[in-house]
Amino acid sequence: MFKKTIHNNWALVISLCLWCLGSSLLLSDKVFAREGEEYAVKAAFILNFAKVTLWPEKIFADSPATIDVGLVGEDESLAMAFKSIDGKQVGDRTLRVRFIPPAGDCRGCEILFVSNAIDRATLLRFLTAVKDQPVLIIGETPDFARIGGIINFISKNGRLHFEINPREAERHRLKISSRILQLANIVEGD
């Protein structure tokens, strides 16, 4: 009888451990799914931002058929979510999404999305790399639109909103539709 009780206790402990492991995996999948869903919404926003932004025509001289979207970050859900807009049409151009590692080069991008998963020094390096270039710079970091970004995603009361810095857009020779500007929180740079 004593052996049977020990065996039952071990079975209970193992069952409890397996249940905890399974629960934590389910929870992490839900968090991953939530992050993935948020990035899917941001990807859809970025597709629409591309549709209402005018770039100087001369930047499309080398690649007239595409708008390159660079994704900076190390989040797997970011890359997966942005596959949904890869190949989508924006006027007569096709969006082409590419991943840029934090130490990578963003030359050739017309849109640059900088994830909040990177450190501030890397963020500033990317902002400097595209300074005054006709690149629509989009981020999700507090004060992003104040420190050189053009559009920043923010969360208010559990809902996704965005800020736009129109002066920064002008500096980058981009024209953003007034309809989008009316929907945005307008911010000024530092």
C-alpha atoms as a PDB file:
ATOM      1  CA  MET A   1       0.000   0.000   0.000  1.00  0.00           C
ATOM      2  CA  PHE A   2       2.845   2.408   0.829  1.00  0.00           C
ATOM      3  CA  LYS A   3       4.380   1.765  -2.634  1.00  0.00           C
ATOM      4  CA  LYS A   4       1.047   2.458  -4.307  1.00  0.00           C
ATOM      5  CA  THR A   5       0.720   5.832  -2.484  1.00  0.00           C
ATOM      6  CA  ILE A   6       4.230   6.892  -3.544  1.00  0.00           C
ATOM      7  CA  HIS A   7       3.456   5.873  -7.108  1.00  0.00           C
ATOM      8  CA  ASN A   8       0.178   7.832  -7.017  1.00  0.00           C
ATOM      9  CA  ASN A   9       1.965  10.899  -5.580  1.00  0.00           C
ATOM     10  CA  TRP A  10       4.580  10.780  -8.324  1.00  0.00           C
ATOM     11  CA  ALA A  11       1.849  10.387 -10.922  1.00  0.00           C
ATOM     12  CA  LEU A  12       0.081  13.409  -9.431  1.00  0.00           C
ATOM     13  CA  VAL A  13       3.294  15.475  -9.406  1.00  0.00           C
ATOM     14  CA  ILE A  14       4.108  14.526 -12.999  1.00  0.00           C
ATOM     15  CA  SER A  15       0.528  15.246 -14.084  1.00  0.00           C
ATOM     16  CA  LEU A  16       0.623  18.621 -12.342  1.00  0.00           C
ATOM     17  CA  CYS A  17       3.963  19.490 -13.974  1.00  0.00           C
ATOM     18  CA  LEU A  18       2.647  18.508 -17.400  1.00  0.00           C
ATOM     19  CA  TRP A  19      -0.517  20.544 -16.815  1.00  0.00           C
ATOM     20  CA  CYS A  20       1.555  23.611 -15.789  1.00  0.00           C
ATOM     21  CA  LEU A  21       3.810  23.198 -18.799  1.00  0.00           C
ATOM     22  CA  GLY A  22       0.825  22.878 -21.119  1.00  0.00           C
ATOM     23  CA  SER A  23      -0.883  25.902 -19.571  1.00  0.00           C
ATOM     24  CA  SER A  24       2.227  28.038 -19.925  1.00  0.00           C
ATOM     25  CA  LEU A  25       2.590  26.995 -23.560  1.00  0.00           C
ATOM     26  CA  LEU A  26      -1.048  27.868 -24.220  1.00  0.00           C
ATOM     27  CA  LEU A  27      -0.608  31.202 -22.486  1.00  0.00           C
ATOM     28  CA  SER A  28       2.539  31.998 -24.480  1.00  0.00           C
ATOM     29  CA  ASP A  29       0.678  31.072 -27.685  1.00  0.00           C
ATOM     30  CA  LYS A  30      -2.093  33.505 -26.715  1.00  0.00           C
ATOM     31  CA  VAL A  31       0.434  36.278 -26.056  1.00  0.00           C
ATOM     32  CA  PHE A  32       2.188  35.458 -29.334  1.00  0.00           C
ATOM     33  CA  ALA A  33      -1.170  35.436 -31.121  1.00  0.00           C
ATOM     34  CA  ARG A  34      -2.084  38.801 -29.589  1.00  0.00           C
ATOM     35  CA  GLU A  35       1.240  40.301 -30.691  1.00  0.00           C
ATOM     36  CA  GLY A  36       0.777  38.740 -34.125  1.00  0.00           C
ATOM     37  CA  GLU A  37      -2.743  40.167 -34.381  1.00  0.00           C
ATOM     38  CA  GLU A  38      -1.498  43.616 -33.395  1.00  0.00           C
ATOM     39  CA  TYR A  39       1.245  43.459 -36.019  1.00  0.00           C
ATOM     40  CA  ALA A  40      -1.305  42.286 -38.612  1.00  0.00           C
ATOM     41  CA  VAL A  41      -3.386  45.402 -37.860  1.00  0.00           C
ATOM     42  CA  LYS A  42      -0.270  47.585 -38.081  1.00  0.00           C
ATOM     43  CA  ALA A  43       0.628  45.957 -41.402  1.00  0.00           C
ATOM     44  CA  ALA A  44      -2.847  46.828 -42.728  1.00  0.00           C
ATOM     45  CA  PHE A  45      -2.411  50.417 -41.512  1.00  0.00           C
ATOM     46  CA  ILE A  46       0.963  50.611 -43.257  1.00  0.00           C
ATOM     47  CA  LEU A  47      -0.571  49.341 -46.499  1.00  0.00           C
ATOM     48  CA  ASN A  48      -3.121  52.153 -46.240  1.00  0.00           C
ATOM     49  CA  PHE A  49      -0.442  54.716 -45.331  1.00  0.00           C
ATOM     50  CA  ALA A  50       1.389  53.691 -48.517  1.00  0.00           C
ATOM     51  CA  LYS A  51      -1.788  54.331 -50.510  1.00  0.00           C
ATOM     52  CA  VAL A  52      -2.185  57.891 -49.182  1.00  0.00           C
ATOM     53  CA  THR A  53       1.460  58.992 -49.272  1.00  0.00           C
ATOM     54  CA  LEU A  54       3.103  60.649 -52.267  1.00  0.00           C
ATOM     55  CA  TRP A  55       6.832  60.176 -52.818  1.00  0.00           C
ATOM     56  CA  PRO A  56       8.955  62.240 -55.214  1.00  0.00           C
ATOM     57  CA  GLU A  57       8.726  60.389 -58.556  1.00  0.00           C
ATOM     58  CA  LYS A  58      12.498  60.396 -59.067  1.00  0.00           C
ATOM     59  CA  ILE A  59      13.006  57.894 -56.234  1.00  0.00           C
ATOM     60  CA  PHE A  60      11.295  55.219 -58.307  1.00  0.00           C
ATOM     61  CA  ALA A  61      13.734  55.598 -61.221  1.00  0.00           C
ATOM     62  CA  ASP A  62      15.711  52.466 -60.258  1.00  0.00           C
ATOM     63  CA  SER A  63      12.737  50.349 -59.226  1.00  0.00           C
ATOM     64  CA  PRO A  64       9.548  51.837 -60.693  1.00  0.00           C
ATOM     65  CA  ALA A  65       7.356  48.807 -60.013  1.00  0.00           C
ATOM     66  CA  THR A  66       7.901  48.385 -56.255  1.00  0.00           C
ATOM     67  CA  ILE A  67       7.616  50.111 -52.913  1.00  0.00           C
ATOM     68  CA  ASP A  68      10.107  48.474 -50.560  1.00  0.00           C
ATOM     69  CA  VAL A  69       9.030  48.085 -46.934  1.00  0.00           C
ATOM     70  CA  GLY A  70      11.887  47.417 -44.519  1.00  0.00           C
ATOM     71  CA  LEU A  71      11.087  45.798 -41.168  1.00  0.00           C
ATOM     72  CA  VAL A  72      13.586  46.429 -38.394  1.00  0.00           C
ATOM     73  CA  GLY A  73      13.273  44.168 -35.381  1.00  0.00           C
ATOM     74  CA  GLU A  74      13.848  40.679 -34.107  1.00  0.00           C
ATOM     75  CA  ASP A  75      10.246  39.666 -33.444  1.00  0.00           C
ATOM     76  CA  GLU A  76       9.083  36.559 -35.306  1.00  0.00           C
ATOM     77  CA  SER A  77       5.443  37.673 -35.125  1.00  0.00           C
ATOM     78  CA  LEU A  78       6.436  40.918 -36.878  1.00  0.00           C
ATOM     79  CA  ALA A  79       7.804  39.118 -39.923  1.00  0.00           C
ATOM     80  CA  MET A  80       4.874  36.698 -40.041  1.00  0.00           C
ATOM     81  CA  ALA A  81       2.233  39.441 -39.834  1.00  0.00           C
ATOM     82  CA  PHE A  82       3.801  41.583 -42.529  1.00  0.00           C
ATOM     83  CA  LYS A  83       3.693  38.702 -45.013  1.00  0.00           C
ATOM     84  CA  SER A  84       0.024  39.653 -45.370  1.00  0.00           C
ATOM     85  CA  ILE A  85       0.920  42.857 -47.250  1.00  0.00           C
ATOM     86  CA  ASP A  86       3.872  41.510 -49.239  1.00  0.00           C
ATOM     87  CA  GLY A  87       2.913  41.629 -52.910  1.00  0.00           C
ATOM     88  CA  LYS A  88      -0.108  43.926 -52.410  1.00  0.00           C
ATOM     89  CA  GLN A  89      -0.730  46.621 -54.994  1.00  0.00           C
ATOM     90  CA  VAL A  90      -0.412  50.317 -54.208  1.00  0.00           C
ATOM     91  CA  GLY A  91      -1.470  52.085 -57.373  1.00  0.00           C
ATOM     92  CA  ASP A  92       0.727  50.670 -60.117  1.00  0.00           C
ATOM     93  CA  ARG A  93       3.414  49.526 -57.674  1.00  0.00           C
ATOM     94  CA  THR A  94       3.785  46.354 -55.628  1.00  0.00           C
ATOM     95  CA  LEU A  95       4.762  46.339 -51.955  1.00  0.00           C
ATOM     96  CA  ARG A  96       7.847  44.256 -51.331  1.00  0.00           C
ATOM     97  CA  VAL A  97       8.505  43.486 -47.656  1.00  0.00           C
ATOM     98  CA  ARG A  98      11.982  42.637 -46.433  1.00  0.00           C
ATOM     99  CA  PHE A  99      13.421  41.989 -43.009  1.00  0.00           C
ATOM    100  CA  ILE A 100      16.338  44.163 -41.864  1.00  0.00           C
ATOM    101  CA  PRO A 101      18.339  42.902 -38.868  1.00  0.00           C
ATOM    102  CA  PRO A 102      19.264  45.526 -36.249  1.00  0.00           C
ATOM    103  CA  ALA A 103      22.807  45.734 -37.655  1.00  0.00           C
ATOM    104  CA  GLY A 104      21.506  45.816 -41.250  1.00  0.00           C
ATOM    105  CA  ASP A 105      21.230  48.401 -43.994  1.00  0.00           C
ATOM    106  CA  CYS A 106      17.940  50.086 -44.874  1.00  0.00           C
ATOM    107  CA  ARG A 107      18.998  51.679 -48.154  1.00  0.00           C
ATOM    108  CA  GLY A 108      16.467  51.231 -50.910  1.00  0.00           C
ATOM    109  CA  CYS A 109      13.412  51.289 -48.632  1.00  0.00           C
ATOM    110  CA  GLU A 110      10.565  53.689 -49.268  1.00  0.00           C
ATOM    111  CA  ILE A 111       8.890  52.648 -46.003  1.00  0.00           C
ATOM    112  CA  LEU A 112      10.781  51.729 -42.856  1.00  0.00           C
ATOM    113  CA  PHE A 113       8.960  50.154 -39.897  1.00  0.00           C
ATOM    114  CA  VAL A 114      11.059  50.146 -36.733  1.00  0.00           C
ATOM    115  CA  SER A 115       9.848  47.713 -34.071  1.00  0.00           C
ATOM    116  CA  ASN A 116      10.002  48.584 -30.385  1.00  0.00           C
ATOM    117  CA  ALA A 117      12.043  45.404 -29.910  1.00  0.00           C
ATOM    118  CA  ILE A 118      15.268  47.234 -30.764  1.00  0.00           C
ATOM    119  CA  ASP A 119      17.312  49.392 -28.413  1.00  0.00           C
ATOM    120  CA  ARG A 120      17.381  53.183 -28.565  1.00  0.00           C
ATOM    121  CA  ALA A 121      20.906  53.380 -30.024  1.00  0.00           C
ATOM    122  CA  THR A 122      19.867  51.152 -32.943  1.00  0.00           C
ATOM    123  CA  LEU A 123      16.684  53.182 -33.413  1.00  0.00           C
ATOM    124  CA  LEU A 124      18.686  56.414 -33.604  1.00  0.00           C
ATOM    125  CA  ARG A 125      21.143  54.818 -36.053  1.00  0.00           C
ATOM    126  CA  PHE A 126      18.282  53.948 -38.428  1.00  0.00           C
ATOM    127  CA  LEU A 127      16.730  57.410 -38.085  1.00  0.00           C
ATOM    128  CA  THR A 128      20.108  58.952 -38.931  1.00  0.00           C
ATOM    129  CA  ALA A 129      20.585  56.601 -41.898  1.00  0.00           C
ATOM    130  CA  VAL A 130      17.405  57.872 -43.583  1.00  0.00           C
ATOM    131  CA  LYS A 131      17.603  61.478 -42.418  1.00  0.00           C
ATOM    132  CA  ASP A 132      16.184  63.785 -45.094  1.00  0.00           C
ATOM    133  CA  GLN A 133      15.641  60.824 -47.465  1.00  0.00           C
ATOM    134  CA  PRO A 134      12.160  60.257 -48.951  1.00  0.00           C
ATOM    135  CA  VAL A 135      11.418  57.369 -46.590  1.00  0.00           C
ATOM    136  CA  LEU A 136       8.161  57.002 -44.660  1.00  0.00           C
ATOM    137  CA  ILE A 137       9.515  56.120 -41.206  1.00  0.00           C
ATOM    138  CA  ILE A 138       7.011  54.345 -38.966  1.00  0.00           C
ATOM    139  CA  GLY A 139       7.547  53.119 -35.418  1.00  0.00           C
ATOM    140  CA  GLU A 140       5.889  51.984 -32.223  1.00  0.00           C
ATOM    141  CA  THR A 141       8.132  53.488 -29.568  1.00  0.00           C
ATOM    142  CA  PRO A 142       7.141  56.292 -27.169  1.00  0.00           C
ATOM    143  CA  ASP A 143       8.084  59.702 -28.628  1.00  0.00           C
ATOM    144  CA  PHE A 144       9.107  58.115 -31.957  1.00  0.00           C
ATOM    145  CA  ALA A 145       7.413  60.875 -33.986  1.00  0.00           C
ATOM    146  CA  ARG A 146       9.089  63.518 -31.835  1.00  0.00           C
ATOM    147  CA  ILE A 147      12.646  62.235 -32.345  1.00  0.00           C
ATOM    148  CA  GLY A 148      12.673  61.860 -36.134  1.00  0.00           C
ATOM    149  CA  GLY A 149       9.977  59.359 -37.028  1.00  0.00           C
ATOM    150  CA  ILE A 150       7.023  60.354 -39.186  1.00  0.00           C
ATOM    151  CA  ILE A 151       4.262  58.016 -37.973  1.00  0.00           C
ATOM    152  CA  ASN A 152       4.098  56.346 -34.577  1.00  0.00           C
ATOM    153  CA  PHE A 153       1.623  53.714 -33.407  1.00  0.00           C
ATOM    154  CA  ILE A 154       0.326  54.300 -29.900  1.00  0.00           C
ATOM    155  CA  SER A 155      -2.132  52.475 -27.671  1.00  0.00           C
ATOM    156  CA  LYS A 156      -4.870  54.393 -25.860  1.00  0.00           C
ATOM    157  CA  ASN A 157      -7.450  52.622 -23.741  1.00  0.00           C
ATOM    158  CA  GLY A 158      -6.602  49.324 -25.385  1.00  0.00           C
ATOM    159  CA  ARG A 159      -7.067  50.688 -28.918  1.00  0.00           C
ATOM    160  CA  LEU A 160      -4.488  51.320 -31.605  1.00  0.00           C
ATOM    161  CA  HIS A 161      -4.017  54.944 -32.684  1.00  0.00           C
ATOM    162  CA  PHE A 162      -1.292  56.783 -34.530  1.00  0.00           C
ATOM    163  CA  GLU A 163       0.628  60.030 -34.326  1.00  0.00           C
ATOM    164  CA  ILE A 164       2.016  61.898 -37.310  1.00  0.00           C
ATOM    165  CA  ASN A 165       4.729  64.530 -37.401  1.00  0.00           C
ATOM    166  CA  PRO A 166       3.867  66.545 -40.570  1.00  0.00           C
ATOM    167  CA  ARG A 167       7.059  68.620 -40.393  1.00  0.00           C
ATOM    168  CA  GLU A 168       9.136  65.454 -40.437  1.00  0.00           C
ATOM    169  CA  ALA A 169       7.148  64.216 -43.449  1.00  0.00           C
ATOM    170  CA  GLU A 170       7.913  67.515 -45.237  1.00  0.00           C
ATOM    171  CA  ARG A 171      11.584  67.211 -44.345  1.00  0.00           C
ATOM    172  CA  HIS A 172      11.551  63.789 -46.029  1.00  0.00           C
ATOM    173  CA  ARG A 173       9.773  65.271 -49.093  1.00  0.00           C
ATOM    174  CA  LEU A 174       6.650  63.180 -48.524  1.00  0.00           C
ATOM    175  CA  LYS A 175       3.045  64.290 -48.846  1.00  0.00           C
ATOM    176  CA  ILE A 176       0.540  62.523 -46.623  1.00  0.00           C
ATOM    177  CA  SER A 177      -3.167  62.830 -47.385  1.00  0.00           C
ATOM    178  CA  SER A 178      -5.014  65.426 -45.332  1.00  0.00           C
ATOM    179  CA  ARG A 179      -7.685  62.785 -44.606  1.00  0.00           C
ATOM    180  CA  ILE A 180      -5.111  60.721 -42.701  1.00  0.00           C
ATOM    181  CA  LEU A 181      -3.771  63.806 -40.942  1.00  0.00           C
ATOM    182  CA  GLN A 182      -7.299  64.506 -39.655  1.00  0.00           C
ATOM    183  CA  LEU A 183      -7.426  61.039 -38.084  1.00  0.00           C
ATOM    184  CA  ALA A 184      -3.998  61.295 -36.464  1.00  0.00           C
ATOM    185  CA  ASN A 185      -2.704  62.868 -33.298  1.00  0.00           C
ATOM    186  CA  ILE A 186      -0.434  65.587 -34.698  1.00  0.00           C
ATOM    187  CA  VAL A 187       2.918  65.961 -32.953  1.00  0.00           C
ATOM    188  CA  GLU A 188       5.881  68.278 -33.352  1.00  0.00           C
ATOM    189  CA  GLY A 189       9.510  67.223 -33.204  1.00  0.00           C
ATOM    190  CA  ASP A 190      11.900  68.116 -30.417  1.00  0.00           C
END
